[in-house]
Amino acid sequence: LAARLLAHLAPVRQRAAAKAAAAAAEPEPRDEKGKTEYFGRFGEIGHDLLGWDAPLQDALCFAGEGAAAGGGGVASPARWRFKVGPAHVNGYGALHGGCTASVIDSLGTAAIALGEGGECGVAVSLDVQYLSPAKKGDEVVWEASVLKRGGRLATVEVRAHAVPKGGRGRGKLLAVGSLTKSLRGPGASAEGAEPQSLRAGYPLNL
């Protein structure tokens, strides 16, 4: 009986050990430096996406930055290519609105992280306009432009365009999002200082 019980428990213990090992191996970009490094490589080949971003792995690819523009050398726009897969659609086979909003949030943050400020802050507002649908198998180009980066706030516009058949040019506009993030500002120290919005209890890894 004892042998059978041990045999029954062995797979459970193995799964628990594997889960614990995976959790220990997966870094969480909770501090500002970790966040900036994580989002500064968002969509690069070989860069693991964590948590809510994980379904974008292998579907989203960084396509480069445009010319430097304003805001202390912030490169704008930054571009990513994205192929809509089964994990990104709703029950009707169309790109899920929540996925679109999440991508806008992440890529807006990435555009800020690509700048020279050394931080990407926390979100204080996110607005999304859904203009046209995309379906499973479609390719989408996302462009994130830092419209303004001041001492305490940064605002980014993210646009999603369909890729036309043949893969060249710019297709219909699918969505437009605006993301505003709170920053520590130039007077804050690298350690310990928090954006104003964090004092209300918001977690740092937003």
C-alpha atoms as a PDB file:
ATOM      1  CA  LEU A   1       0.000   0.000   0.000  1.00  0.00           C
ATOM      2  CA  ALA A   2       2.811   2.368   0.928  1.00  0.00           C
ATOM      3  CA  ALA A   3       4.582   1.650  -2.358  1.00  0.00           C
ATOM      4  CA  ARG A   4       1.414   2.333  -4.357  1.00  0.00           C
ATOM      5  CA  LEU A   5       0.832   5.572  -2.448  1.00  0.00           C
ATOM      6  CA  LEU A   6       4.390   6.736  -3.132  1.00  0.00           C
ATOM      7  CA  ALA A   7       4.011   5.854  -6.814  1.00  0.00           C
ATOM      8  CA  HIS A   8       0.799   7.866  -6.913  1.00  0.00           C
ATOM      9  CA  LEU A   9       2.405  10.880  -5.240  1.00  0.00           C
ATOM     10  CA  ALA A  10       5.576  10.880  -7.347  1.00  0.00           C
ATOM     11  CA  PRO A  11       4.077  12.638 -10.419  1.00  0.00           C
ATOM     12  CA  VAL A  12       2.453  15.230  -8.138  1.00  0.00           C
ATOM     13  CA  ARG A  13       5.782  15.961  -6.498  1.00  0.00           C
ATOM     14  CA  GLN A  14       7.503  16.135  -9.867  1.00  0.00           C
ATOM     15  CA  ARG A  15       4.970  18.647 -11.173  1.00  0.00           C
ATOM     16  CA  ALA A  16       5.302  20.740  -8.014  1.00  0.00           C
ATOM     17  CA  ALA A  17       9.103  20.684  -8.260  1.00  0.00           C
ATOM     18  CA  ALA A  18       9.003  21.654 -11.946  1.00  0.00           C
ATOM     19  CA  LYS A  19       6.608  24.500 -11.204  1.00  0.00           C
ATOM     20  CA  ALA A  20       8.812  25.783  -8.368  1.00  0.00           C
ATOM     21  CA  ALA A  21      11.918  25.588 -10.564  1.00  0.00           C
ATOM     22  CA  ALA A  22      10.192  27.475 -13.365  1.00  0.00           C
ATOM     23  CA  ALA A  23       9.031  30.171 -10.949  1.00  0.00           C
ATOM     24  CA  ALA A  24      12.536  30.534  -9.534  1.00  0.00           C
ATOM     25  CA  ALA A  25      14.103  30.749 -12.999  1.00  0.00           C
ATOM     26  CA  GLU A  26      11.657  33.335 -14.346  1.00  0.00           C
ATOM     27  CA  PRO A  27      12.767  36.847 -13.418  1.00  0.00           C
ATOM     28  CA  GLU A  28      10.089  39.392 -12.596  1.00  0.00           C
ATOM     29  CA  PRO A  29      10.877  42.925 -13.819  1.00  0.00           C
ATOM     30  CA  ARG A  30       9.509  44.603 -10.701  1.00  0.00           C
ATOM     31  CA  ASP A  31      11.970  47.444 -10.137  1.00  0.00           C
ATOM     32  CA  GLU A  32      12.349  50.326 -12.559  1.00  0.00           C
ATOM     33  CA  LYS A  33      15.710  49.152 -13.891  1.00  0.00           C
ATOM     34  CA  GLY A  34      14.356  45.664 -14.547  1.00  0.00           C
ATOM     35  CA  LYS A  35      11.250  47.044 -16.237  1.00  0.00           C
ATOM     36  CA  THR A  36      13.277  49.314 -18.485  1.00  0.00           C
ATOM     37  CA  GLU A  37      15.607  46.483 -19.517  1.00  0.00           C
ATOM     38  CA  TYR A  38      12.639  44.157 -20.107  1.00  0.00           C
ATOM     39  CA  PHE A  39      10.603  46.585 -22.222  1.00  0.00           C
ATOM     40  CA  GLY A  40      13.688  47.942 -23.978  1.00  0.00           C
ATOM     41  CA  ARG A  41      14.076  44.501 -25.616  1.00  0.00           C
ATOM     42  CA  PHE A  42      10.373  43.832 -26.108  1.00  0.00           C
ATOM     43  CA  GLY A  43       9.832  41.678 -29.187  1.00  0.00           C
ATOM     44  CA  GLU A  44      13.526  40.911 -29.769  1.00  0.00           C
ATOM     45  CA  ILE A  45      14.341  37.372 -30.865  1.00  0.00           C
ATOM     46  CA  GLY A  46      15.448  35.360 -27.857  1.00  0.00           C
ATOM     47  CA  HIS A  47      13.946  37.776 -25.314  1.00  0.00           C
ATOM     48  CA  ASP A  48      11.398  35.939 -23.152  1.00  0.00           C
ATOM     49  CA  LEU A  49       8.083  37.670 -22.563  1.00  0.00           C
ATOM     50  CA  LEU A  50       6.660  37.174 -19.086  1.00  0.00           C
ATOM     51  CA  GLY A  51       3.257  36.985 -17.447  1.00  0.00           C
ATOM     52  CA  TRP A  52       0.441  38.586 -19.424  1.00  0.00           C
ATOM     53  CA  ASP A  53       2.848  39.235 -22.331  1.00  0.00           C
ATOM     54  CA  ALA A  54       3.722  35.539 -22.739  1.00  0.00           C
ATOM     55  CA  PRO A  55       1.065  34.793 -25.426  1.00  0.00           C
ATOM     56  CA  LEU A  56       2.821  37.349 -27.649  1.00  0.00           C
ATOM     57  CA  GLN A  57       5.999  35.240 -27.699  1.00  0.00           C
ATOM     58  CA  ASP A  58       6.923  34.227 -31.278  1.00  0.00           C
ATOM     59  CA  ALA A  59       3.982  36.277 -32.623  1.00  0.00           C
ATOM     60  CA  LEU A  60       5.476  39.745 -32.038  1.00  0.00           C
ATOM     61  CA  CYS A  61       8.785  40.810 -33.580  1.00  0.00           C
ATOM     62  CA  PHE A  62      10.646  44.082 -33.106  1.00  0.00           C
ATOM     63  CA  ALA A  63      11.105  45.743 -36.509  1.00  0.00           C
ATOM     64  CA  GLY A  64      13.280  48.718 -35.557  1.00  0.00           C
ATOM     65  CA  GLU A  65      13.183  52.367 -34.622  1.00  0.00           C
ATOM     66  CA  GLY A  66      12.635  55.461 -36.706  1.00  0.00           C
ATOM     67  CA  ALA A  67      14.626  58.678 -36.566  1.00  0.00           C
ATOM     68  CA  ALA A  68      15.284  60.306 -33.201  1.00  0.00           C
ATOM     69  CA  ALA A  69      12.637  62.886 -32.396  1.00  0.00           C
ATOM     70  CA  GLY A  70      12.340  65.207 -29.409  1.00  0.00           C
ATOM     71  CA  GLY A  71      12.124  64.295 -25.748  1.00  0.00           C
ATOM     72  CA  GLY A  72      15.855  63.954 -25.129  1.00  0.00           C
ATOM     73  CA  GLY A  73      16.669  61.620 -27.996  1.00  0.00           C
ATOM     74  CA  VAL A  74      13.612  59.376 -27.845  1.00  0.00           C
ATOM     75  CA  ALA A  75      13.513  57.308 -31.031  1.00  0.00           C
ATOM     76  CA  SER A  76      10.073  57.558 -32.572  1.00  0.00           C
ATOM     77  CA  PRO A  77       8.274  55.701 -33.950  1.00  0.00           C
ATOM     78  CA  ALA A  78       9.333  52.205 -32.980  1.00  0.00           C
ATOM     79  CA  ARG A  79       7.813  49.364 -35.001  1.00  0.00           C
ATOM     80  CA  TRP A  80       6.796  45.772 -34.393  1.00  0.00           C
ATOM     81  CA  ARG A  81       5.277  43.120 -36.649  1.00  0.00           C
ATOM     82  CA  PHE A  82       2.646  40.837 -35.229  1.00  0.00           C
ATOM     83  CA  LYS A  83       0.825  37.778 -36.542  1.00  0.00           C
ATOM     84  CA  VAL A  84      -2.611  37.163 -35.046  1.00  0.00           C
ATOM     85  CA  GLY A  85      -2.698  33.631 -33.641  1.00  0.00           C
ATOM     86  CA  PRO A  86      -5.254  31.419 -31.884  1.00  0.00           C
ATOM     87  CA  ALA A  87      -4.304  32.823 -28.470  1.00  0.00           C
ATOM     88  CA  HIS A  88      -5.119  36.388 -29.554  1.00  0.00           C
ATOM     89  CA  VAL A  89      -8.659  36.060 -30.916  1.00  0.00           C
ATOM     90  CA  ASN A  90     -12.178  36.058 -29.506  1.00  0.00           C
ATOM     91  CA  GLY A  91     -14.875  33.462 -30.121  1.00  0.00           C
ATOM     92  CA  TYR A  92     -15.529  34.904 -33.575  1.00  0.00           C
ATOM     93  CA  GLY A  93     -11.921  34.543 -34.745  1.00  0.00           C
ATOM     94  CA  ALA A  94     -11.192  38.289 -34.592  1.00  0.00           C
ATOM     95  CA  LEU A  95      -8.339  39.956 -32.705  1.00  0.00           C
ATOM     96  CA  HIS A  96      -9.613  40.360 -29.146  1.00  0.00           C
ATOM     97  CA  GLY A  97     -10.094  43.933 -27.973  1.00  0.00           C
ATOM     98  CA  GLY A  98      -8.400  43.122 -24.680  1.00  0.00           C
ATOM     99  CA  CYS A  99      -5.365  41.801 -26.534  1.00  0.00           C
ATOM    100  CA  THR A 100      -5.219  44.987 -28.602  1.00  0.00           C
ATOM    101  CA  ALA A 101      -5.342  47.137 -25.462  1.00  0.00           C
ATOM    102  CA  SER A 102      -2.666  45.024 -23.775  1.00  0.00           C
ATOM    103  CA  VAL A 103      -0.348  45.275 -26.796  1.00  0.00           C
ATOM    104  CA  ILE A 104      -0.830  49.058 -26.917  1.00  0.00           C
ATOM    105  CA  ASP A 105       0.041  49.280 -23.225  1.00  0.00           C
ATOM    106  CA  SER A 106       3.165  47.122 -23.615  1.00  0.00           C
ATOM    107  CA  LEU A 107       4.439  48.731 -26.823  1.00  0.00           C
ATOM    108  CA  GLY A 108       3.796  52.229 -25.527  1.00  0.00           C
ATOM    109  CA  THR A 109       5.881  51.331 -22.500  1.00  0.00           C
ATOM    110  CA  ALA A 110       8.565  49.836 -24.766  1.00  0.00           C
ATOM    111  CA  ALA A 111       8.749  53.063 -26.789  1.00  0.00           C
ATOM    112  CA  ILE A 112       9.446  55.003 -23.592  1.00  0.00           C
ATOM    113  CA  ALA A 113      12.022  52.442 -22.448  1.00  0.00           C
ATOM    114  CA  LEU A 114      13.874  52.832 -25.768  1.00  0.00           C
ATOM    115  CA  GLY A 115      14.524  56.489 -24.925  1.00  0.00           C
ATOM    116  CA  GLU A 116      17.332  57.945 -22.855  1.00  0.00           C
ATOM    117  CA  GLY A 117      15.486  58.542 -19.594  1.00  0.00           C
ATOM    118  CA  GLY A 118      16.384  55.197 -18.031  1.00  0.00           C
ATOM    119  CA  GLU A 119      12.829  54.480 -16.895  1.00  0.00           C
ATOM    120  CA  CYS A 120       9.399  53.657 -18.264  1.00  0.00           C
ATOM    121  CA  GLY A 121       7.139  54.630 -15.355  1.00  0.00           C
ATOM    122  CA  VAL A 122       3.629  53.432 -14.517  1.00  0.00           C
ATOM    123  CA  ALA A 123       0.438  53.898 -16.523  1.00  0.00           C
ATOM    124  CA  VAL A 124      -2.000  56.599 -15.452  1.00  0.00           C
ATOM    125  CA  SER A 125      -4.292  56.474 -18.487  1.00  0.00           C
ATOM    126  CA  LEU A 126      -4.945  54.273 -21.523  1.00  0.00           C
ATOM    127  CA  ASP A 127      -7.390  55.072 -24.315  1.00  0.00           C
ATOM    128  CA  VAL A 128      -8.082  52.791 -27.286  1.00  0.00           C
ATOM    129  CA  GLN A 129     -10.122  53.400 -30.432  1.00  0.00           C
ATOM    130  CA  TYR A 130     -11.061  50.237 -32.344  1.00  0.00           C
ATOM    131  CA  LEU A 131     -11.457  51.083 -36.025  1.00  0.00           C
ATOM    132  CA  SER A 132     -11.305  47.830 -38.033  1.00  0.00           C
ATOM    133  CA  PRO A 133     -11.069  44.128 -37.144  1.00  0.00           C
ATOM    134  CA  ALA A 134      -8.187  41.757 -37.780  1.00  0.00           C
ATOM    135  CA  LYS A 135      -8.659  38.003 -37.969  1.00  0.00           C
ATOM    136  CA  LYS A 136      -6.563  34.967 -37.139  1.00  0.00           C
ATOM    137  CA  GLY A 137      -3.629  34.682 -39.529  1.00  0.00           C
ATOM    138  CA  ASP A 138      -3.517  38.416 -40.350  1.00  0.00           C
ATOM    139  CA  GLU A 139      -0.278  40.355 -39.998  1.00  0.00           C
ATOM    140  CA  VAL A 140      -0.284  43.686 -38.211  1.00  0.00           C
ATOM    141  CA  VAL A 141       2.310  46.457 -37.966  1.00  0.00           C
ATOM    142  CA  TRP A 142       2.340  48.396 -34.706  1.00  0.00           C
ATOM    143  CA  GLU A 143       3.980  51.832 -34.519  1.00  0.00           C
ATOM    144  CA  ALA A 144       4.606  53.568 -31.184  1.00  0.00           C
ATOM    145  CA  SER A 145       5.494  57.267 -31.187  1.00  0.00           C
ATOM    146  CA  VAL A 146       6.478  59.224 -28.086  1.00  0.00           C
ATOM    147  CA  LEU A 147       4.467  62.413 -28.510  1.00  0.00           C
ATOM    148  CA  LYS A 148       5.828  64.156 -25.432  1.00  0.00           C
ATOM    149  CA  ARG A 149       8.174  63.283 -22.600  1.00  0.00           C
ATOM    150  CA  GLY A 150       8.448  65.751 -19.761  1.00  0.00           C
ATOM    151  CA  GLY A 151       9.882  65.555 -16.281  1.00  0.00           C
ATOM    152  CA  ARG A 152       6.915  63.721 -14.779  1.00  0.00           C
ATOM    153  CA  LEU A 153       4.730  62.440 -17.639  1.00  0.00           C
ATOM    154  CA  ALA A 154       5.262  60.730 -20.991  1.00  0.00           C
ATOM    155  CA  THR A 155       2.564  60.310 -23.631  1.00  0.00           C
ATOM    156  CA  VAL A 156       2.769  57.742 -26.423  1.00  0.00           C
ATOM    157  CA  GLU A 157       0.535  57.111 -29.430  1.00  0.00           C
ATOM    158  CA  VAL A 158       0.354  53.546 -30.753  1.00  0.00           C
ATOM    159  CA  ARG A 159      -1.157  52.737 -34.165  1.00  0.00           C
ATOM    160  CA  ALA A 160      -1.967  49.312 -35.582  1.00  0.00           C
ATOM    161  CA  HIS A 161      -2.109  48.859 -39.373  1.00  0.00           C
ATOM    162  CA  ALA A 162      -2.982  45.747 -41.315  1.00  0.00           C
ATOM    163  CA  VAL A 163      -0.264  44.395 -43.605  1.00  0.00           C
ATOM    164  CA  PRO A 164      -1.664  44.184 -47.178  1.00  0.00           C
ATOM    165  CA  LYS A 165      -1.509  40.988 -49.194  1.00  0.00           C
ATOM    166  CA  GLY A 166       2.001  40.742 -50.553  1.00  0.00           C
ATOM    167  CA  GLY A 167       3.512  42.143 -47.360  1.00  0.00           C
ATOM    168  CA  ARG A 168       4.369  45.632 -48.595  1.00  0.00           C
ATOM    169  CA  GLY A 169       2.961  49.045 -47.852  1.00  0.00           C
ATOM    170  CA  ARG A 170       0.468  49.996 -45.187  1.00  0.00           C
ATOM    171  CA  GLY A 171      -3.064  48.629 -45.036  1.00  0.00           C
ATOM    172  CA  LYS A 172      -6.153  49.782 -43.194  1.00  0.00           C
ATOM    173  CA  LEU A 173      -5.876  51.360 -39.769  1.00  0.00           C
ATOM    174  CA  LEU A 174      -7.058  48.860 -37.148  1.00  0.00           C
ATOM    175  CA  ALA A 175      -6.675  50.689 -33.845  1.00  0.00           C
ATOM    176  CA  VAL A 176      -5.211  53.824 -32.288  1.00  0.00           C
ATOM    177  CA  GLY A 177      -4.213  54.012 -28.645  1.00  0.00           C
ATOM    178  CA  SER A 178      -2.927  56.732 -26.351  1.00  0.00           C
ATOM    179  CA  LEU A 179      -0.888  55.839 -23.244  1.00  0.00           C
ATOM    180  CA  THR A 180       0.244  58.267 -20.546  1.00  0.00           C
ATOM    181  CA  LYS A 181       2.764  57.167 -17.933  1.00  0.00           C
ATOM    182  CA  SER A 182       3.956  58.741 -14.700  1.00  0.00           C
ATOM    183  CA  LEU A 183       7.733  59.110 -14.371  1.00  0.00           C
ATOM    184  CA  ARG A 184      10.007  59.667 -11.408  1.00  0.00           C
ATOM    185  CA  GLY A 185      11.551  62.646 -13.089  1.00  0.00           C
ATOM    186  CA  PRO A 186      15.161  63.852 -13.302  1.00  0.00           C
ATOM    187  CA  GLY A 187      15.325  64.789  -9.619  1.00  0.00           C
ATOM    188  CA  ALA A 188      14.549  61.298  -8.316  1.00  0.00           C
ATOM    189  CA  SER A 189      17.286  58.933  -7.180  1.00  0.00           C
ATOM    190  CA  ALA A 190      17.732  55.600  -8.929  1.00  0.00           C
ATOM    191  CA  GLU A 191      16.802  53.722  -5.760  1.00  0.00           C
ATOM    192  CA  GLY A 192      13.803  54.244  -3.539  1.00  0.00           C
ATOM    193  CA  ALA A 193      12.018  57.102  -5.300  1.00  0.00           C
ATOM    194  CA  GLU A 194       8.527  56.371  -6.535  1.00  0.00           C
ATOM    195  CA  PRO A 195       6.212  58.091  -8.993  1.00  0.00           C
ATOM    196  CA  GLN A 196       3.319  59.940  -7.410  1.00  0.00           C
ATOM    197  CA  SER A 197       0.809  57.332  -8.551  1.00  0.00           C
ATOM    198  CA  LEU A 198       2.619  54.602  -6.606  1.00  0.00           C
ATOM    199  CA  ARG A 199       1.942  56.340  -3.304  1.00  0.00           C
ATOM    200  CA  ALA A 200      -1.709  55.350  -3.677  1.00  0.00           C
ATOM    201  CA  GLY A 201      -0.674  51.701  -3.593  1.00  0.00           C
ATOM    202  CA  TYR A 202      -0.318  50.782  -7.244  1.00  0.00           C
ATOM    203  CA  PRO A 203       2.170  47.930  -7.845  1.00  0.00           C
ATOM    204  CA  LEU A 204       5.419  48.812  -9.570  1.00  0.00           C
ATOM    205  CA  ASN A 205       5.136  46.180 -12.296  1.00  0.00           C
ATOM    206  CA  LEU A 206       2.232  47.761 -14.206  1.00  0.00           C
END
